Amino acid sequence: MAWFFSESITQPTHIITGEDANHITSSLRMKEGEQLTICDKDGIQHNCTIEHAEKGLVSVRVNESYPCRNEPHTHVTLYQALTKGDKMEFIIQKAVELGVKRIVPILTDRCVSRPDEKSMKKKLERYNKIALQAAQQSRRGEIPVVLPLQTLKEAAKNAGSTAIVCYELGGEPLGVHIEKRRDEISLFIGSEGGFEKHEIDEILKNGGAAATLGNRILRAETAPIAALSVIMYLTDNLGSANDHKRDDNGKAVNGGDWHI
């Protein structure tokens, strides 16, 4: 089912215009009678039927509305050091698919990519568009936001005791720290060259913790995907119910069990 987002929904009939309407009619070639879903800013999922479709305007009938059950109950902020080329775009896309709530690009000592303010503003627009597309593809209940660039010092202060930094030179297993931070986690991932020791110290000074992802050294674009997958699994935010039904806390109902 096609998935879209809107600030608000009018019932029983809602009008879709602009880019979304063109996407429905031109790219997806959807017709009257076909189904689509719209999520509003409050995370309410509206399942709809197309009543009329033409270029630039689509009218839908809202059939049912309820809170979207696709959002993780653990809120993860990914603090990702800037990477080279288009790796950031890949990281953002996959992080959104895996359930991250927000992404904060950070500038660290070993970042090769060091865009100026004008260039970063353009990148940020592109990053948020990728986040939107990934949220639609993965049927998220909200659109994760990519925030403006921060320094490592700013990020460490903002994350505080929720921070877990993946560090190749030491730290406890990731699962040890997740048990203490099940509701709110700030995940720090370095660039291609990793973190300097004083940057790790800055995160620890603000109440964060250092974690290891094992003996193998992962690429900058692999580490956040691996870490987020572990976090979502250990906090019961990854998997599916046998009967595909969940209660408000994300637990299986009607006898279904979560499995991977």
Protein backbone atom coordinates (compact mmCIF):
# COMPACT_ATOMS: atom_id res chain seq x y z
CA MET A 1 0.00 0.00 0.00
CA ALA A 2 1.32 3.48 -0.92
CA TRP A 3 2.28 5.53 2.16
CA PHE A 4 2.17 9.32 2.57
CA PHE A 5 2.42 11.99 5.26
CA SER A 6 0.29 15.06 5.88
CA GLU A 7 0.15 17.73 8.61
CA SER A 8 -3.57 17.10 9.08
CA ILE A 9 -6.40 15.03 7.60
CA THR A 10 -9.94 16.11 6.82
CA GLN A 11 -12.66 13.49 7.18
CA PRO A 12 -14.50 11.78 5.64
CA THR A 13 -12.90 13.14 2.44
CA HIS A 14 -9.33 14.39 2.16
CA ILE A 15 -7.74 16.22 -0.78
CA ILE A 16 -4.11 15.56 -1.77
CA THR A 17 -2.38 18.14 -3.99
CA GLY A 18 1.09 19.08 -5.17
CA GLU A 19 4.02 16.67 -5.35
CA ASP A 20 2.23 13.82 -3.59
CA ALA A 21 -0.74 14.02 -5.95
CA ASN A 22 1.57 13.98 -8.97
CA HIS A 23 3.44 11.01 -7.53
CA ILE A 24 0.17 9.11 -7.05
CA THR A 25 -1.12 9.78 -10.56
CA SER A 26 2.07 9.93 -12.65
CA SER A 27 4.62 7.68 -10.95
CA LEU A 28 2.42 5.14 -9.18
CA ARG A 29 -0.39 5.41 -11.76
CA MET A 30 -2.98 4.75 -9.08
CA LYS A 31 -6.65 4.76 -10.01
CA GLU A 32 -10.01 5.28 -8.36
CA GLY A 33 -10.83 2.47 -5.94
CA GLU A 34 -7.18 1.76 -5.00
CA GLN A 35 -5.97 1.98 -1.41
CA LEU A 36 -3.35 4.24 0.19
CA THR A 37 -2.34 5.29 3.70
CA ILE A 38 -1.71 8.76 5.12
CA CYS A 39 -0.05 9.44 8.50
CA ASP A 40 -0.65 12.81 10.13
CA LYS A 41 1.65 14.84 12.40
CA ASP A 42 0.18 13.15 15.50
CA GLY A 43 1.15 9.68 14.26
CA ILE A 44 -2.41 8.71 13.38
CA GLN A 45 -2.64 6.29 10.47
CA HIS A 46 -5.51 6.84 8.03
CA ASN A 47 -6.33 4.06 5.58
CA CYS A 48 -8.02 5.55 2.52
CA THR A 49 -9.61 4.73 -0.83
CA ILE A 50 -9.04 6.93 -3.89
CA GLU A 51 -12.32 8.45 -5.06
CA HIS A 52 -10.95 10.73 -7.79
CA ALA A 53 -7.50 11.14 -9.33
CA GLU A 54 -6.18 13.65 -11.83
CA LYS A 55 -2.88 15.43 -12.33
CA GLY A 56 -2.18 17.60 -9.30
CA LEU A 57 -5.27 16.56 -7.33
CA VAL A 58 -6.35 13.34 -5.65
CA SER A 59 -9.47 12.94 -3.52
CA VAL A 60 -9.57 10.07 -1.00
CA ARG A 61 -12.18 8.69 1.39
CA VAL A 62 -10.91 7.92 4.91
CA ASN A 63 -12.03 4.40 5.84
CA GLU A 64 -10.43 3.99 9.27
CA SER A 65 -8.03 5.87 11.55
CA TYR A 66 -5.91 4.68 14.49
CA PRO A 67 -2.46 5.30 16.05
CA CYS A 68 0.31 3.99 13.80
CA ARG A 69 1.94 0.95 15.42
CA ASN A 70 5.15 1.09 13.39
CA GLU A 71 7.12 3.47 15.62
CA PRO A 72 9.75 2.14 18.05
CA HIS A 73 9.05 2.83 21.72
CA THR A 74 12.78 3.48 22.18
CA HIS A 75 13.79 6.91 20.88
CA VAL A 76 17.20 6.79 19.24
CA THR A 77 19.10 9.87 18.10
CA LEU A 78 21.97 9.08 15.74
CA TYR A 79 24.90 11.48 16.08
CA GLN A 80 26.80 10.68 12.90
CA ALA A 81 30.18 12.23 12.08
CA LEU A 82 30.25 13.53 8.51
CA THR A 83 31.47 10.98 6.00
CA LYS A 84 32.90 11.28 2.50
CA GLY A 85 30.89 11.28 -0.72
CA ASP A 86 27.33 10.03 -0.60
CA LYS A 87 27.82 7.75 2.42
CA MET A 88 25.79 10.10 4.63
CA GLU A 89 22.80 9.68 2.31
CA PHE A 90 23.06 5.90 2.61
CA ILE A 91 23.39 6.10 6.41
CA ILE A 92 20.35 8.38 6.73
CA GLN A 93 18.22 6.15 4.52
CA LYS A 94 19.04 2.96 6.42
CA ALA A 95 18.86 4.61 9.85
CA VAL A 96 15.33 5.80 9.10
CA GLU A 97 14.31 2.33 7.90
CA LEU A 98 15.66 0.85 11.14
CA GLY A 99 13.62 3.23 13.32
CA VAL A 100 15.87 6.14 14.32
CA LYS A 101 13.94 9.16 15.64
CA ARG A 102 16.36 11.88 14.58
CA ILE A 103 19.78 12.23 12.99
CA VAL A 104 22.36 14.86 13.91
CA PRO A 105 25.39 15.30 11.63
CA ILE A 106 28.46 16.17 13.70
CA LEU A 107 31.85 17.59 12.80
CA THR A 108 34.79 15.80 14.40
CA ASP A 109 38.56 16.15 14.14
CA ARG A 110 38.95 13.30 11.67
CA CYS A 111 36.12 14.27 9.29
CA VAL A 112 37.43 14.57 5.73
CA SER A 113 34.18 16.18 4.61
CA ARG A 114 34.07 19.75 5.96
CA PRO A 115 31.37 21.66 4.03
CA ASP A 116 30.90 25.40 4.44
CA GLU A 117 27.62 26.84 5.77
CA LYS A 118 26.04 27.30 2.33
CA SER A 119 26.97 23.80 1.19
CA MET A 120 25.77 22.25 4.45
CA LYS A 121 22.40 23.98 4.12
CA LYS A 122 21.92 22.38 0.70
CA LYS A 123 23.01 19.00 2.03
CA LEU A 124 20.55 19.28 4.91
CA GLU A 125 17.66 19.83 2.51
CA ARG A 126 18.76 16.76 0.56
CA TYR A 127 19.18 14.70 3.75
CA ASN A 128 15.66 15.52 4.96
CA LYS A 129 14.20 14.60 1.59
CA ILE A 130 15.95 11.22 1.82
CA ALA A 131 14.57 10.79 5.36
CA LEU A 132 11.06 11.48 4.06
CA GLN A 133 11.38 8.97 1.23
CA ALA A 134 12.81 6.32 3.56
CA ALA A 135 9.98 6.93 6.06
CA GLN A 136 7.41 6.41 3.31
CA GLN A 137 9.12 3.27 2.00
CA SER A 138 9.41 1.70 5.47
CA ARG A 139 5.91 2.82 6.56
CA ARG A 140 6.99 4.90 9.50
CA GLY A 141 4.43 6.71 11.66
CA GLU A 142 6.50 9.89 11.60
CA ILE A 143 9.25 11.47 9.53
CA PRO A 144 12.60 11.46 11.35
CA VAL A 145 14.28 14.84 11.11
CA VAL A 146 17.91 15.51 10.14
CA LEU A 147 19.03 18.42 12.31
CA PRO A 148 21.68 21.07 11.52
CA LEU A 149 25.37 20.27 11.89
CA GLN A 150 26.80 20.31 15.44
CA THR A 151 30.31 20.21 16.82
CA LEU A 152 31.32 17.19 18.87
CA LYS A 153 31.32 19.33 22.01
CA GLU A 154 27.77 20.56 21.36
CA ALA A 155 26.55 17.07 20.60
CA ALA A 156 28.15 15.55 23.72
CA LYS A 157 26.50 18.20 25.89
CA ASN A 158 23.09 17.77 24.25
CA ALA A 159 23.17 13.97 24.50
CA GLY A 160 24.42 13.89 28.08
CA SER A 161 23.90 10.60 29.90
CA THR A 162 21.89 9.09 27.02
CA ALA A 163 25.05 8.90 24.88
CA ILE A 164 26.66 5.65 23.74
CA VAL A 165 29.74 6.10 21.57
CA CYS A 166 31.00 3.20 19.47
CA TYR A 167 34.77 3.20 19.96
CA GLU A 168 37.20 0.83 18.28
CA LEU A 169 39.76 1.11 21.10
CA GLY A 170 37.62 -0.11 23.95
CA GLY A 171 34.35 -0.13 25.84
CA GLU A 172 31.80 -2.61 27.15
CA PRO A 173 29.50 -4.58 24.84
CA LEU A 174 26.67 -2.48 23.42
CA GLY A 175 24.02 -4.53 25.22
CA VAL A 176 25.38 -3.59 28.64
CA HIS A 177 24.64 0.09 28.02
CA ILE A 178 21.31 -0.45 26.29
CA GLU A 179 19.84 -2.03 29.43
CA LYS A 180 20.42 1.28 31.25
CA ARG A 181 19.03 3.46 28.44
CA ARG A 182 16.00 1.63 27.04
CA ASP A 183 13.78 4.70 26.54
CA GLU A 184 16.22 7.27 25.16
CA ILE A 185 19.52 6.49 23.43
CA SER A 186 21.96 8.82 21.70
CA LEU A 187 24.25 6.80 19.44
CA PHE A 188 27.59 8.33 18.40
CA ILE A 189 29.32 6.98 15.30
CA GLY A 190 32.61 8.33 13.94
CA SER A 191 33.73 9.16 10.42
CA GLU A 192 36.13 7.03 8.36
CA GLY A 193 38.98 7.80 10.77
CA GLY A 194 37.00 7.25 13.96
CA PHE A 195 37.24 9.49 17.03
CA GLU A 196 40.16 11.18 18.71
CA LYS A 197 40.73 10.21 22.35
CA HIS A 198 39.83 13.68 23.62
CA GLU A 199 36.47 13.45 21.81
CA ILE A 200 35.68 10.19 23.59
CA ASP A 201 36.67 11.88 26.86
CA GLU A 202 34.28 14.75 26.10
CA ILE A 203 31.36 12.33 25.64
CA LEU A 204 32.26 10.43 28.82
CA LYS A 205 32.64 13.68 30.75
CA ASN A 206 29.03 14.53 29.94
CA GLY A 207 27.76 11.21 31.28
CA GLY A 208 28.02 9.06 28.15
CA ALA A 209 29.53 5.60 27.80
CA ALA A 210 31.91 3.89 25.38
CA ALA A 211 30.81 0.68 23.66
CA THR A 212 32.40 -1.89 21.39
CA LEU A 213 30.90 -3.54 18.33
CA GLY A 214 33.36 -6.41 18.49
CA ASN A 215 36.88 -7.14 17.32
CA ARG A 216 36.31 -6.35 13.66
CA ILE A 217 36.61 -2.76 12.48
CA LEU A 218 33.47 -1.67 10.63
CA ARG A 219 33.28 0.97 7.92
CA ALA A 220 31.72 4.31 8.83
CA GLU A 221 28.59 3.45 6.85
CA THR A 222 28.35 -0.08 8.32
CA ALA A 223 28.73 0.78 12.01
CA PRO A 224 25.49 2.76 12.45
CA ILE A 225 23.44 0.05 10.71
CA ALA A 226 24.98 -2.68 12.87
CA ALA A 227 24.55 -0.68 16.08
CA LEU A 228 20.97 0.37 15.33
CA SER A 229 20.02 -3.20 14.48
CA VAL A 230 21.38 -4.40 17.82
CA ILE A 231 19.62 -1.60 19.70
CA MET A 232 16.27 -2.26 18.05
CA TYR A 233 16.57 -5.99 18.68
CA LEU A 234 17.57 -5.70 22.34
CA THR A 235 14.81 -3.18 23.07
CA ASP A 236 12.12 -5.37 21.41
CA ASN A 237 11.67 -2.96 18.51
CA LEU A 238 12.65 -5.37 15.74
CA GLY A 239 10.70 -8.38 14.56
CA SER A 240 7.13 -9.33 13.75
CA ALA A 241 4.23 -10.96 15.52
CA ASN A 242 2.89 -14.27 14.29
CA ASP A 243 -0.55 -12.73 13.81
CA HIS A 244 0.80 -9.25 12.96
CA LYS A 245 -1.21 -7.68 15.80
CA ARG A 246 0.20 -5.57 18.61
CA ASP A 247 -1.06 -3.68 21.63
CA ASP A 248 -0.20 -0.05 22.42
CA ASN A 249 3.14 -1.12 23.91
CA GLY A 250 4.19 -3.01 20.79
CA LYS A 251 3.62 -6.46 22.33
CA ALA A 252 2.04 -9.32 20.41
CA VAL A 253 -1.62 -10.00 21.18
CA ASN A 254 -3.96 -12.95 20.54
CA GLY A 255 -1.23 -15.45 21.34
CA GLY A 256 1.33 -14.16 18.84
CA ASP A 257 5.01 -14.13 19.80
CA TRP A 258 7.70 -11.80 18.50
CA HIS A 259 10.38 -13.47 16.44
CA ILE A 260 13.29 -12.54 14.18
